[in-house]
C-alpha cells in the first residue's frame, strides 16, 4: 500500500530527478524567463516538490535537477506534465529530451525532506 504524501507512517525517501534536454541557443532567454513561473507552479501545486536547480552545460544542453520528497511525487508530476500555463511556457522552448533519470538521494541526512529544505 502506498501512503499519501505527508502521511506520518510513510517513510521519507528524497528522490532526485535529472532531466537533460536541448534548447536552441536562440530560445535560451525564453527558457530562463519562464523558469521562475514554472518553479512557483510546482511549489504551489505539486505535492512533494522540494526544489530545483537548472544547469547549463553548453549553448544548447541543459540539465534540470529536481528534488522530490518521495518517488511517488515525481511519478505524479510526470503524469501531470505541462498542466498549467507556467509549466507549458517552460517546456515550450525545449526542442529535444535527451535523458530523464531519477534515484534516491544518498547524501547523509538527505533521506528526509527536512534535510534538503
N, C-alpha and C. Protein backbone atom coordinates (compact mmCIF):
# COMPACT_ATOMS: atom_id res chain seq x y z
N UNK A 1 0.85 -1.18 0.00
CA UNK A 1 0.00 0.00 0.00
C UNK A 1 0.89 1.24 0.00
N UNK A 2 0.57 2.20 -0.83
CA UNK A 2 1.29 3.46 -0.87
C UNK A 2 0.51 4.49 -0.06
N UNK A 3 1.19 5.09 0.89
CA UNK A 3 0.55 6.10 1.73
C UNK A 3 0.69 7.47 1.07
N UNK A 4 -0.25 8.36 1.27
CA UNK A 4 -0.19 9.68 0.64
C UNK A 4 0.95 10.52 1.19
N UNK A 5 1.38 11.50 0.38
CA UNK A 5 2.41 12.44 0.82
C UNK A 5 1.96 13.09 2.12
N UNK A 6 2.89 13.20 3.06
CA UNK A 6 2.57 13.85 4.32
C UNK A 6 2.02 12.91 5.37
N UNK A 7 1.72 11.66 5.00
CA UNK A 7 1.21 10.70 5.97
C UNK A 7 2.33 10.37 6.95
N UNK A 8 2.07 10.41 8.27
CA UNK A 8 3.14 10.23 9.25
C UNK A 8 3.81 8.86 9.20
N UNK A 9 3.15 7.83 8.64
CA UNK A 9 3.75 6.50 8.58
C UNK A 9 4.52 6.24 7.29
N UNK A 10 4.51 7.18 6.39
CA UNK A 10 5.19 6.99 5.11
C UNK A 10 6.67 7.32 5.27
N UNK A 11 7.52 6.40 4.91
CA UNK A 11 8.97 6.62 5.01
C UNK A 11 9.39 7.72 4.03
N UNK A 12 10.26 8.59 4.48
CA UNK A 12 10.74 9.68 3.64
C UNK A 12 11.90 9.17 2.78
N UNK A 13 11.79 9.36 1.48
CA UNK A 13 12.84 8.99 0.56
C UNK A 13 12.98 10.11 -0.45
N UNK A 14 13.91 11.02 -0.23
CA UNK A 14 14.11 12.09 -1.19
C UNK A 14 14.57 11.49 -2.51
N UNK A 15 13.88 11.86 -3.57
CA UNK A 15 14.18 11.38 -4.91
C UNK A 15 14.72 12.54 -5.73
N UNK A 16 15.82 12.30 -6.43
CA UNK A 16 16.42 13.31 -7.29
C UNK A 16 16.14 12.94 -8.74
N UNK A 17 15.57 13.91 -9.45
CA UNK A 17 15.25 13.75 -10.87
C UNK A 17 16.28 14.53 -11.68
N UNK A 18 16.87 13.89 -12.68
CA UNK A 18 17.83 14.53 -13.58
C UNK A 18 17.26 14.46 -14.99
N UNK A 19 16.99 15.61 -15.57
CA UNK A 19 16.44 15.66 -16.92
C UNK A 19 17.37 16.49 -17.79
N UNK A 20 17.92 15.84 -18.80
CA UNK A 20 18.82 16.51 -19.75
C UNK A 20 18.03 16.79 -21.01
N UNK A 21 18.13 18.04 -21.50
CA UNK A 21 17.37 18.41 -22.69
C UNK A 21 18.13 19.44 -23.51
N UNK A 22 17.67 19.61 -24.75
CA UNK A 22 18.30 20.57 -25.67
C UNK A 22 17.33 21.70 -25.96
N UNK A 23 17.86 22.91 -25.87
CA UNK A 23 17.13 24.13 -26.20
C UNK A 23 17.98 24.90 -27.22
N UNK A 24 17.43 25.25 -28.37
CA UNK A 24 18.22 26.06 -29.31
C UNK A 24 18.74 27.32 -28.62
N UNK A 25 19.97 27.68 -28.89
CA UNK A 25 20.59 28.83 -28.23
C UNK A 25 19.73 30.09 -28.35
N UNK A 26 19.06 30.25 -29.47
CA UNK A 26 18.22 31.44 -29.68
C UNK A 26 17.00 31.48 -28.76
N UNK A 27 16.65 30.34 -28.13
CA UNK A 27 15.48 30.28 -27.26
C UNK A 27 15.85 30.18 -25.78
N UNK A 28 17.13 30.27 -25.46
CA UNK A 28 17.57 30.15 -24.07
C UNK A 28 16.95 31.23 -23.19
N UNK A 29 16.84 32.44 -23.69
CA UNK A 29 16.23 33.53 -22.92
C UNK A 29 14.78 33.24 -22.58
N UNK A 30 14.06 32.62 -23.50
CA UNK A 30 12.67 32.23 -23.26
C UNK A 30 12.58 31.19 -22.14
N UNK A 31 13.49 30.22 -22.17
CA UNK A 31 13.53 29.19 -21.13
C UNK A 31 13.78 29.84 -19.76
N UNK A 32 14.78 30.70 -19.71
CA UNK A 32 15.14 31.34 -18.44
C UNK A 32 14.04 32.26 -17.93
N UNK A 33 13.37 32.95 -18.84
CA UNK A 33 12.29 33.85 -18.43
C UNK A 33 11.11 33.09 -17.84
N UNK A 34 10.90 31.86 -18.31
CA UNK A 34 9.78 31.04 -17.83
C UNK A 34 10.11 30.25 -16.57
N UNK A 35 11.38 30.19 -16.20
CA UNK A 35 11.81 29.33 -15.10
C UNK A 35 11.13 29.65 -13.77
N UNK A 36 11.14 30.90 -13.36
CA UNK A 36 10.57 31.26 -12.05
C UNK A 36 9.10 30.89 -11.96
N UNK A 37 8.35 31.09 -13.03
CA UNK A 37 6.93 30.73 -13.04
C UNK A 37 6.71 29.24 -12.92
N UNK A 38 7.55 28.45 -13.60
CA UNK A 38 7.44 27.00 -13.52
C UNK A 38 7.74 26.52 -12.11
N UNK A 39 8.81 27.03 -11.51
CA UNK A 39 9.17 26.63 -10.15
C UNK A 39 8.06 27.03 -9.16
N UNK A 40 7.51 28.21 -9.32
CA UNK A 40 6.42 28.66 -8.44
C UNK A 40 5.19 27.76 -8.61
N UNK A 41 4.89 27.38 -9.84
CA UNK A 41 3.74 26.49 -10.08
C UNK A 41 3.97 25.13 -9.44
N UNK A 42 5.18 24.60 -9.56
CA UNK A 42 5.48 23.32 -8.92
C UNK A 42 5.35 23.45 -7.40
N UNK A 43 5.91 24.51 -6.83
CA UNK A 43 5.86 24.69 -5.38
C UNK A 43 4.42 24.80 -4.87
N UNK A 44 3.57 25.44 -5.64
CA UNK A 44 2.19 25.66 -5.21
C UNK A 44 1.26 24.48 -5.47
N UNK A 45 1.55 23.70 -6.53
CA UNK A 45 0.56 22.72 -6.97
C UNK A 45 1.07 21.30 -7.16
N UNK A 46 2.33 21.05 -6.82
CA UNK A 46 2.87 19.69 -6.98
C UNK A 46 3.36 19.21 -5.62
N UNK A 47 2.54 18.43 -4.93
CA UNK A 47 2.94 17.92 -3.62
C UNK A 47 4.27 17.18 -3.69
N UNK A 48 5.10 17.38 -2.70
CA UNK A 48 6.38 16.70 -2.63
C UNK A 48 7.52 17.42 -3.33
N UNK A 49 7.24 18.51 -4.04
CA UNK A 49 8.31 19.27 -4.70
C UNK A 49 9.14 19.97 -3.65
N UNK A 50 10.46 19.72 -3.66
CA UNK A 50 11.35 20.30 -2.66
C UNK A 50 12.24 21.40 -3.20
N UNK A 51 12.47 21.42 -4.49
CA UNK A 51 13.33 22.45 -5.07
C UNK A 51 13.98 21.96 -6.35
N UNK A 52 14.63 22.89 -7.06
CA UNK A 52 15.24 22.55 -8.34
C UNK A 52 16.38 23.49 -8.66
N UNK A 53 17.32 22.97 -9.43
CA UNK A 53 18.41 23.78 -9.97
C UNK A 53 18.50 23.49 -11.46
N UNK A 54 18.72 24.53 -12.23
CA UNK A 54 18.88 24.41 -13.67
C UNK A 54 20.36 24.62 -13.99
N UNK A 55 20.92 23.70 -14.76
CA UNK A 55 22.35 23.73 -15.09
C UNK A 55 22.50 23.82 -16.60
N UNK A 56 23.29 24.78 -17.04
CA UNK A 56 23.57 24.92 -18.47
C UNK A 56 24.92 24.27 -18.75
N UNK A 57 24.94 23.23 -19.58
CA UNK A 57 26.17 22.52 -19.88
C UNK A 57 26.93 23.12 -21.05
N UNK A 58 26.19 23.59 -22.05
CA UNK A 58 26.79 24.28 -23.20
C UNK A 58 25.70 25.15 -23.82
N UNK A 59 25.92 25.69 -25.00
CA UNK A 59 24.97 26.63 -25.59
C UNK A 59 23.56 26.06 -25.74
N UNK A 60 23.44 24.76 -25.90
CA UNK A 60 22.13 24.18 -26.15
C UNK A 60 21.73 23.06 -25.18
N UNK A 61 22.62 22.61 -24.33
CA UNK A 61 22.33 21.46 -23.47
C UNK A 61 22.16 21.89 -22.02
N UNK A 62 21.08 21.44 -21.41
CA UNK A 62 20.72 21.80 -20.05
C UNK A 62 20.39 20.55 -19.25
N UNK A 63 20.55 20.66 -17.93
CA UNK A 63 20.12 19.61 -17.01
C UNK A 63 19.28 20.27 -15.92
N UNK A 64 18.11 19.73 -15.69
CA UNK A 64 17.26 20.18 -14.60
C UNK A 64 17.40 19.16 -13.48
N UNK A 65 17.80 19.60 -12.30
CA UNK A 65 17.96 18.74 -11.13
C UNK A 65 16.83 19.11 -10.17
N UNK A 66 15.91 18.17 -9.97
CA UNK A 66 14.72 18.44 -9.18
C UNK A 66 14.65 17.45 -8.03
N UNK A 67 14.36 17.94 -6.84
CA UNK A 67 14.24 17.09 -5.65
C UNK A 67 12.77 16.93 -5.28
N UNK A 68 12.40 15.69 -4.99
CA UNK A 68 11.04 15.33 -4.61
C UNK A 68 11.09 14.60 -3.27
N UNK A 69 10.08 14.78 -2.45
CA UNK A 69 10.04 14.13 -1.14
C UNK A 69 9.97 12.62 -1.27
N UNK A 70 9.30 12.13 -2.30
CA UNK A 70 9.08 10.69 -2.48
C UNK A 70 9.03 10.36 -3.96
N UNK A 71 9.39 9.15 -4.36
CA UNK A 71 9.31 8.79 -5.78
C UNK A 71 7.89 8.89 -6.33
N UNK A 72 6.90 8.67 -5.51
CA UNK A 72 5.51 8.78 -5.97
C UNK A 72 5.16 10.21 -6.36
N UNK A 73 5.77 11.19 -5.69
CA UNK A 73 5.54 12.59 -6.03
C UNK A 73 6.09 12.90 -7.43
N UNK A 74 7.27 12.38 -7.72
CA UNK A 74 7.84 12.54 -9.06
C UNK A 74 6.95 11.87 -10.10
N UNK A 75 6.50 10.65 -9.82
CA UNK A 75 5.64 9.94 -10.77
C UNK A 75 4.37 10.73 -11.06
N UNK A 76 3.77 11.30 -10.04
CA UNK A 76 2.55 12.09 -10.23
C UNK A 76 2.85 13.35 -11.05
N UNK A 77 3.98 13.99 -10.79
CA UNK A 77 4.34 15.18 -11.56
C UNK A 77 4.54 14.83 -13.03
N UNK A 78 5.21 13.74 -13.29
CA UNK A 78 5.40 13.31 -14.68
C UNK A 78 4.06 13.02 -15.35
N UNK A 79 3.14 12.40 -14.62
CA UNK A 79 1.81 12.11 -15.16
C UNK A 79 1.09 13.40 -15.55
N UNK A 80 1.26 14.43 -14.73
CA UNK A 80 0.57 15.70 -14.97
C UNK A 80 1.16 16.49 -16.12
N UNK A 81 2.46 16.37 -16.37
CA UNK A 81 3.09 17.06 -17.48
C UNK A 81 2.91 18.57 -17.42
N UNK A 82 2.68 19.18 -18.56
CA UNK A 82 2.52 20.63 -18.67
C UNK A 82 1.07 21.00 -18.47
N UNK A 83 0.59 20.84 -17.24
CA UNK A 83 -0.84 21.05 -16.95
C UNK A 83 -1.19 22.47 -16.52
N UNK A 84 -0.25 23.38 -16.63
CA UNK A 84 -0.55 24.78 -16.32
C UNK A 84 0.20 25.66 -17.32
N UNK A 85 -0.28 26.89 -17.53
CA UNK A 85 0.41 27.78 -18.48
C UNK A 85 1.88 28.03 -18.09
N UNK A 86 2.17 28.13 -16.79
CA UNK A 86 3.55 28.41 -16.37
C UNK A 86 4.47 27.23 -16.68
N UNK A 87 4.00 26.03 -16.49
CA UNK A 87 4.80 24.84 -16.80
C UNK A 87 4.94 24.70 -18.32
N UNK A 88 3.86 24.90 -19.05
CA UNK A 88 3.91 24.82 -20.51
C UNK A 88 4.88 25.84 -21.09
N UNK A 89 4.93 27.04 -20.51
CA UNK A 89 5.85 28.08 -21.01
C UNK A 89 7.31 27.67 -20.84
N UNK A 90 7.61 26.95 -19.76
CA UNK A 90 8.98 26.47 -19.55
C UNK A 90 9.31 25.34 -20.53
N UNK A 91 8.35 24.46 -20.77
CA UNK A 91 8.58 23.34 -21.67
C UNK A 91 8.65 23.76 -23.14
N UNK A 92 8.00 24.86 -23.50
CA UNK A 92 7.87 25.27 -24.90
C UNK A 92 9.20 25.39 -25.66
N UNK A 93 10.25 26.00 -25.11
CA UNK A 93 11.48 26.12 -25.90
C UNK A 93 12.33 24.84 -25.97
N UNK A 94 11.93 23.81 -25.27
CA UNK A 94 12.71 22.56 -25.27
C UNK A 94 12.48 21.85 -26.60
N UNK A 95 13.57 21.66 -27.35
CA UNK A 95 13.49 21.04 -28.67
C UNK A 95 13.60 19.52 -28.59
N UNK A 96 14.33 19.03 -27.58
CA UNK A 96 14.57 17.58 -27.53
C UNK A 96 14.88 17.16 -26.10
N UNK A 97 14.23 16.10 -25.67
CA UNK A 97 14.54 15.46 -24.40
C UNK A 97 15.66 14.47 -24.65
N UNK A 98 16.77 14.62 -23.96
CA UNK A 98 17.93 13.76 -24.18
C UNK A 98 17.99 12.59 -23.20
N UNK A 99 17.58 12.82 -21.95
CA UNK A 99 17.59 11.76 -20.94
C UNK A 99 16.75 12.20 -19.75
N UNK A 100 16.13 11.24 -19.10
CA UNK A 100 15.38 11.50 -17.87
C UNK A 100 15.64 10.33 -16.94
N UNK A 101 16.26 10.62 -15.79
CA UNK A 101 16.61 9.60 -14.82
C UNK A 101 16.24 10.10 -13.43
N UNK A 102 16.10 9.16 -12.52
CA UNK A 102 15.86 9.54 -11.14
C UNK A 102 16.36 8.44 -10.23
N UNK A 103 16.59 8.83 -8.97
CA UNK A 103 17.02 7.85 -7.98
C UNK A 103 17.00 8.47 -6.61
N UNK A 104 17.18 7.64 -5.59
CA UNK A 104 17.16 8.15 -4.22
C UNK A 104 18.43 8.95 -3.91
N UNK A 105 18.25 10.01 -3.15
CA UNK A 105 19.41 10.78 -2.68
C UNK A 105 20.18 9.91 -1.69
N UNK A 106 21.50 9.95 -1.75
CA UNK A 106 22.30 9.12 -0.86
C UNK A 106 23.20 9.92 0.06
N UNK A 107 23.11 11.25 0.00
CA UNK A 107 23.90 12.07 0.92
C UNK A 107 23.44 11.82 2.35
N UNK A 108 24.36 11.81 3.31
CA UNK A 108 23.94 11.64 4.70
C UNK A 108 22.93 12.71 5.09
N UNK A 109 21.84 12.27 5.66
CA UNK A 109 20.80 13.21 6.11
C UNK A 109 19.83 13.61 5.02
N UNK A 110 20.07 13.23 3.79
CA UNK A 110 19.19 13.65 2.69
C UNK A 110 18.00 12.72 2.54
N UNK A 111 17.84 11.76 3.43
CA UNK A 111 16.74 10.82 3.29
C UNK A 111 15.44 11.34 3.88
N UNK A 112 15.44 12.55 4.42
CA UNK A 112 14.23 13.15 4.95
C UNK A 112 14.04 14.50 4.29
N UNK A 113 12.80 14.85 3.91
CA UNK A 113 12.56 16.13 3.24
C UNK A 113 13.10 17.33 4.00
N UNK A 114 13.06 17.31 5.31
CA UNK A 114 13.54 18.45 6.10
C UNK A 114 15.03 18.69 5.89
N UNK A 115 15.77 17.67 5.50
CA UNK A 115 17.21 17.78 5.34
C UNK A 115 17.59 18.61 4.12
N UNK A 116 16.69 18.74 3.15
CA UNK A 116 17.04 19.45 1.92
C UNK A 116 16.37 20.81 1.81
N UNK A 117 15.60 21.18 2.79
CA UNK A 117 14.91 22.48 2.72
C UNK A 117 15.82 23.58 3.13
